[in-house]
Amino acid sequence: MNRRRSSESKPHTAAFVALILMVVVGTFGGAMHAIYRNGQIKAEREIVKTRERIEEHQLDIQMIEVRKERELDRYEIRLQLELYNSALVAVGHGIVEKVHPLPRPEDPPVALRP
């Protein structure tokens, strides 16, 4: 009933080829995963640095706006003019005259290109 098996086993080349192929694919996949993950980490670090720079610039912009508002404050300007002994003085509302624009002649013709 049972056949006698030969003492020499046949090499199963298909199994060895499949095993080698699995090792190559696993190694390649692991290396590619590491490369892509390192790229993601670098991108995340650049994003964090960019966000920090944006926050710094926003703070600088706010400080510039505060300085600008301080310099454009009318009372501050008056004090500075007094300190510099400037001839400029405040003008009352009654002194200001409303000036109407002169009537213009017809609008000049517009040159059209042919």
C-alpha atoms as a PDB file:
ATOM      1  CA  MET A   1       0.000   0.000   0.000  1.00  0.00           C
ATOM      2  CA  ASN A   2       2.506   2.479   1.002  1.00  0.00           C
ATOM      3  CA  ARG A   3       5.218   3.174  -1.391  1.00  0.00           C
ATOM      4  CA  ARG A   4       8.653   3.296  -0.188  1.00  0.00           C
ATOM      5  CA  ARG A   5      10.063   6.733  -0.094  1.00  0.00           C
ATOM      6  CA  SER A   6      13.443   7.317  -1.406  1.00  0.00           C
ATOM      7  CA  SER A   7      16.073   8.209   1.119  1.00  0.00           C
ATOM      8  CA  GLU A   8      16.996  11.360  -0.786  1.00  0.00           C
ATOM      9  CA  SER A   9      14.503  14.175  -0.586  1.00  0.00           C
ATOM     10  CA  LYS A  10      13.967  16.227  -3.687  1.00  0.00           C
ATOM     11  CA  PRO A  11      14.890  19.860  -3.287  1.00  0.00           C
ATOM     12  CA  HIS A  12      11.864  22.052  -3.481  1.00  0.00           C
ATOM     13  CA  THR A  13      13.206  24.921  -5.529  1.00  0.00           C
ATOM     14  CA  ALA A  14       9.837  26.640  -5.708  1.00  0.00           C
ATOM     15  CA  ALA A  15       9.761  26.914  -1.914  1.00  0.00           C
ATOM     16  CA  PHE A  16      13.280  28.335  -1.808  1.00  0.00           C
ATOM     17  CA  VAL A  17      12.513  30.837  -4.564  1.00  0.00           C
ATOM     18  CA  ALA A  18       9.340  31.902  -2.773  1.00  0.00           C
ATOM     19  CA  LEU A  19      11.224  32.270   0.498  1.00  0.00           C
ATOM     20  CA  ILE A  20      13.963  34.363  -1.126  1.00  0.00           C
ATOM     21  CA  LEU A  21      11.335  36.475  -2.880  1.00  0.00           C
ATOM     22  CA  MET A  22       9.536  37.080   0.430  1.00  0.00           C
ATOM     23  CA  VAL A  23      12.790  38.113   2.108  1.00  0.00           C
ATOM     24  CA  VAL A  24      13.607  40.550  -0.726  1.00  0.00           C
ATOM     25  CA  VAL A  25      10.095  42.027  -0.738  1.00  0.00           C
ATOM     26  CA  GLY A  26      10.084  42.343   3.061  1.00  0.00           C
ATOM     27  CA  THR A  27      13.491  44.008   3.105  1.00  0.00           C
ATOM     28  CA  PHE A  28      12.590  46.375   0.285  1.00  0.00           C
ATOM     29  CA  GLY A  29       9.246  47.185   1.913  1.00  0.00           C
ATOM     30  CA  GLY A  30      10.875  47.892   5.259  1.00  0.00           C
ATOM     31  CA  ALA A  31      13.486  50.128   3.677  1.00  0.00           C
ATOM     32  CA  MET A  32      10.855  52.049   1.697  1.00  0.00           C
ATOM     33  CA  HIS A  33       8.734  52.437   4.840  1.00  0.00           C
ATOM     34  CA  ALA A  34      11.728  53.887   6.700  1.00  0.00           C
ATOM     35  CA  ILE A  35      12.523  56.271   3.823  1.00  0.00           C
ATOM     36  CA  TYR A  36       8.938  57.523   3.572  1.00  0.00           C
ATOM     37  CA  ARG A  37       8.601  57.859   7.337  1.00  0.00           C
ATOM     38  CA  ASN A  38      11.824  59.897   7.527  1.00  0.00           C
ATOM     39  CA  GLY A  39      10.437  62.138   4.794  1.00  0.00           C
ATOM     40  CA  GLN A  40       7.227  62.622   6.798  1.00  0.00           C
ATOM     41  CA  ILE A  41       9.200  63.470   9.922  1.00  0.00           C
ATOM     42  CA  LYS A  42      11.289  66.031   8.011  1.00  0.00           C
ATOM     43  CA  ALA A  43       8.137  67.578   6.548  1.00  0.00           C
ATOM     44  CA  GLU A  44       6.530  67.765  10.007  1.00  0.00           C
ATOM     45  CA  ARG A  45       9.622  69.497  11.404  1.00  0.00           C
ATOM     46  CA  GLU A  46       9.592  72.027   8.551  1.00  0.00           C
ATOM     47  CA  ILE A  47       5.906  72.693   9.181  1.00  0.00           C
ATOM     48  CA  VAL A  48       6.587  73.305  12.872  1.00  0.00           C
ATOM     49  CA  LYS A  49       9.468  75.683  12.038  1.00  0.00           C
ATOM     50  CA  THR A  50       7.290  77.542   9.533  1.00  0.00           C
ATOM     51  CA  ARG A  51       4.483  77.911  12.070  1.00  0.00           C
ATOM     52  CA  GLU A  52       6.938  79.279  14.628  1.00  0.00           C
ATOM     53  CA  ARG A  53       8.243  81.810  12.072  1.00  0.00           C
ATOM     54  CA  ILE A  54       4.668  82.852  11.245  1.00  0.00           C
ATOM     55  CA  GLU A  55       3.929  83.392  14.940  1.00  0.00           C
ATOM     56  CA  GLU A  56       7.104  85.473  15.310  1.00  0.00           C
ATOM     57  CA  HIS A  57       6.158  87.587  12.285  1.00  0.00           C
ATOM     58  CA  GLN A  58       2.633  88.074  13.611  1.00  0.00           C
ATOM     59  CA  LEU A  59       4.092  89.303  16.895  1.00  0.00           C
ATOM     60  CA  ASP A  60       6.417  91.653  15.003  1.00  0.00           C
ATOM     61  CA  ILE A  61       3.477  92.956  12.964  1.00  0.00           C
ATOM     62  CA  GLN A  62       1.491  93.625  16.129  1.00  0.00           C
ATOM     63  CA  MET A  63       4.430  95.500  17.674  1.00  0.00           C
ATOM     64  CA  ILE A  64       4.851  97.596  14.509  1.00  0.00           C
ATOM     65  CA  GLU A  65       1.146  98.433  14.519  1.00  0.00           C
ATOM     66  CA  VAL A  66       1.347  99.485  18.159  1.00  0.00           C
ATOM     67  CA  ARG A  67       4.343 101.739  17.403  1.00  0.00           C
ATOM     68  CA  LYS A  68       2.586 103.157  14.343  1.00  0.00           C
ATOM     69  CA  GLU A  69      -0.556 103.956  16.344  1.00  0.00           C
ATOM     70  CA  ARG A  70       1.572 105.574  19.033  1.00  0.00           C
ATOM     71  CA  GLU A  71       3.370 107.754  16.491  1.00  0.00           C
ATOM     72  CA  LEU A  72       0.132 108.740  14.773  1.00  0.00           C
ATOM     73  CA  ASP A  73      -1.573 109.704  18.015  1.00  0.00           C
ATOM     74  CA  ARG A  74      -2.599 113.358  17.670  1.00  0.00           C
ATOM     75  CA  TYR A  75      -1.800 114.211  21.274  1.00  0.00           C
ATOM     76  CA  GLU A  76       1.631 112.622  20.987  1.00  0.00           C
ATOM     77  CA  ILE A  77       2.270 114.618  17.813  1.00  0.00           C
ATOM     78  CA  ARG A  78       1.274 117.839  19.569  1.00  0.00           C
ATOM     79  CA  LEU A  79       3.660 117.087  22.437  1.00  0.00           C
ATOM     80  CA  GLN A  80       6.491 116.373  19.998  1.00  0.00           C
ATOM     81  CA  LEU A  81       5.825 119.617  18.127  1.00  0.00           C
ATOM     82  CA  GLU A  82       5.973 121.535  21.394  1.00  0.00           C
ATOM     83  CA  LEU A  83       9.231 119.822  22.339  1.00  0.00           C
ATOM     84  CA  TYR A  84      10.800 120.778  18.996  1.00  0.00           C
ATOM     85  CA  ASN A  85       9.470 124.365  19.241  1.00  0.00           C
ATOM     86  CA  SER A  86       7.750 123.940  15.901  1.00  0.00           C
ATOM     87  CA  ALA A  87       5.820 126.781  14.267  1.00  0.00           C
ATOM     88  CA  LEU A  88       2.959 124.396  13.547  1.00  0.00           C
ATOM     89  CA  VAL A  89      -0.068 124.983  15.753  1.00  0.00           C
ATOM     90  CA  ALA A  90      -3.504 123.455  16.072  1.00  0.00           C
ATOM     91  CA  VAL A  91      -6.176 124.944  13.817  1.00  0.00           C
ATOM     92  CA  GLY A  92      -9.683 125.560  15.119  1.00  0.00           C
ATOM     93  CA  HIS A  93     -12.747 124.250  13.328  1.00  0.00           C
ATOM     94  CA  GLY A  94     -14.045 127.736  12.468  1.00  0.00           C
ATOM     95  CA  ILE A  95     -10.936 128.654  10.486  1.00  0.00           C
ATOM     96  CA  VAL A  96     -11.165 125.743   8.078  1.00  0.00           C
ATOM     97  CA  GLU A  97     -12.805 126.588   4.739  1.00  0.00           C
ATOM     98  CA  LYS A  98     -14.386 124.107   2.410  1.00  0.00           C
ATOM     99  CA  VAL A  99     -12.884 124.396  -1.077  1.00  0.00           C
ATOM    100  CA  HIS A 100     -14.948 123.334  -4.070  1.00  0.00           C
ATOM    101  CA  PRO A 101     -13.153 122.002  -7.124  1.00  0.00           C
ATOM    102  CA  LEU A 102     -13.043 124.243 -10.184  1.00  0.00           C
ATOM    103  CA  PRO A 103     -15.401 123.275 -12.973  1.00  0.00           C
ATOM    104  CA  ARG A 104     -13.485 121.315 -15.550  1.00  0.00           C
ATOM    105  CA  PRO A 105     -13.904 121.737 -19.259  1.00  0.00           C
ATOM    106  CA  GLU A 106     -14.998 118.734 -21.229  1.00  0.00           C
ATOM    107  CA  ASP A 107     -13.021 115.621 -20.684  1.00  0.00           C
ATOM    108  CA  PRO A 108     -10.122 115.461 -23.134  1.00  0.00           C
ATOM    109  CA  PRO A 109     -10.710 113.090 -26.055  1.00  0.00           C
ATOM    110  CA  VAL A 110      -9.370 109.610 -25.636  1.00  0.00           C
ATOM    111  CA  ALA A 111      -7.026 108.441 -28.336  1.00  0.00           C
ATOM    112  CA  LEU A 112      -8.086 105.094 -29.711  1.00  0.00           C
ATOM    113  CA  ARG A 113      -5.710 102.906 -31.589  1.00  0.00           C
ATOM    114  CA  PRO A 114      -6.945 101.608 -34.932  1.00  0.00           C
END
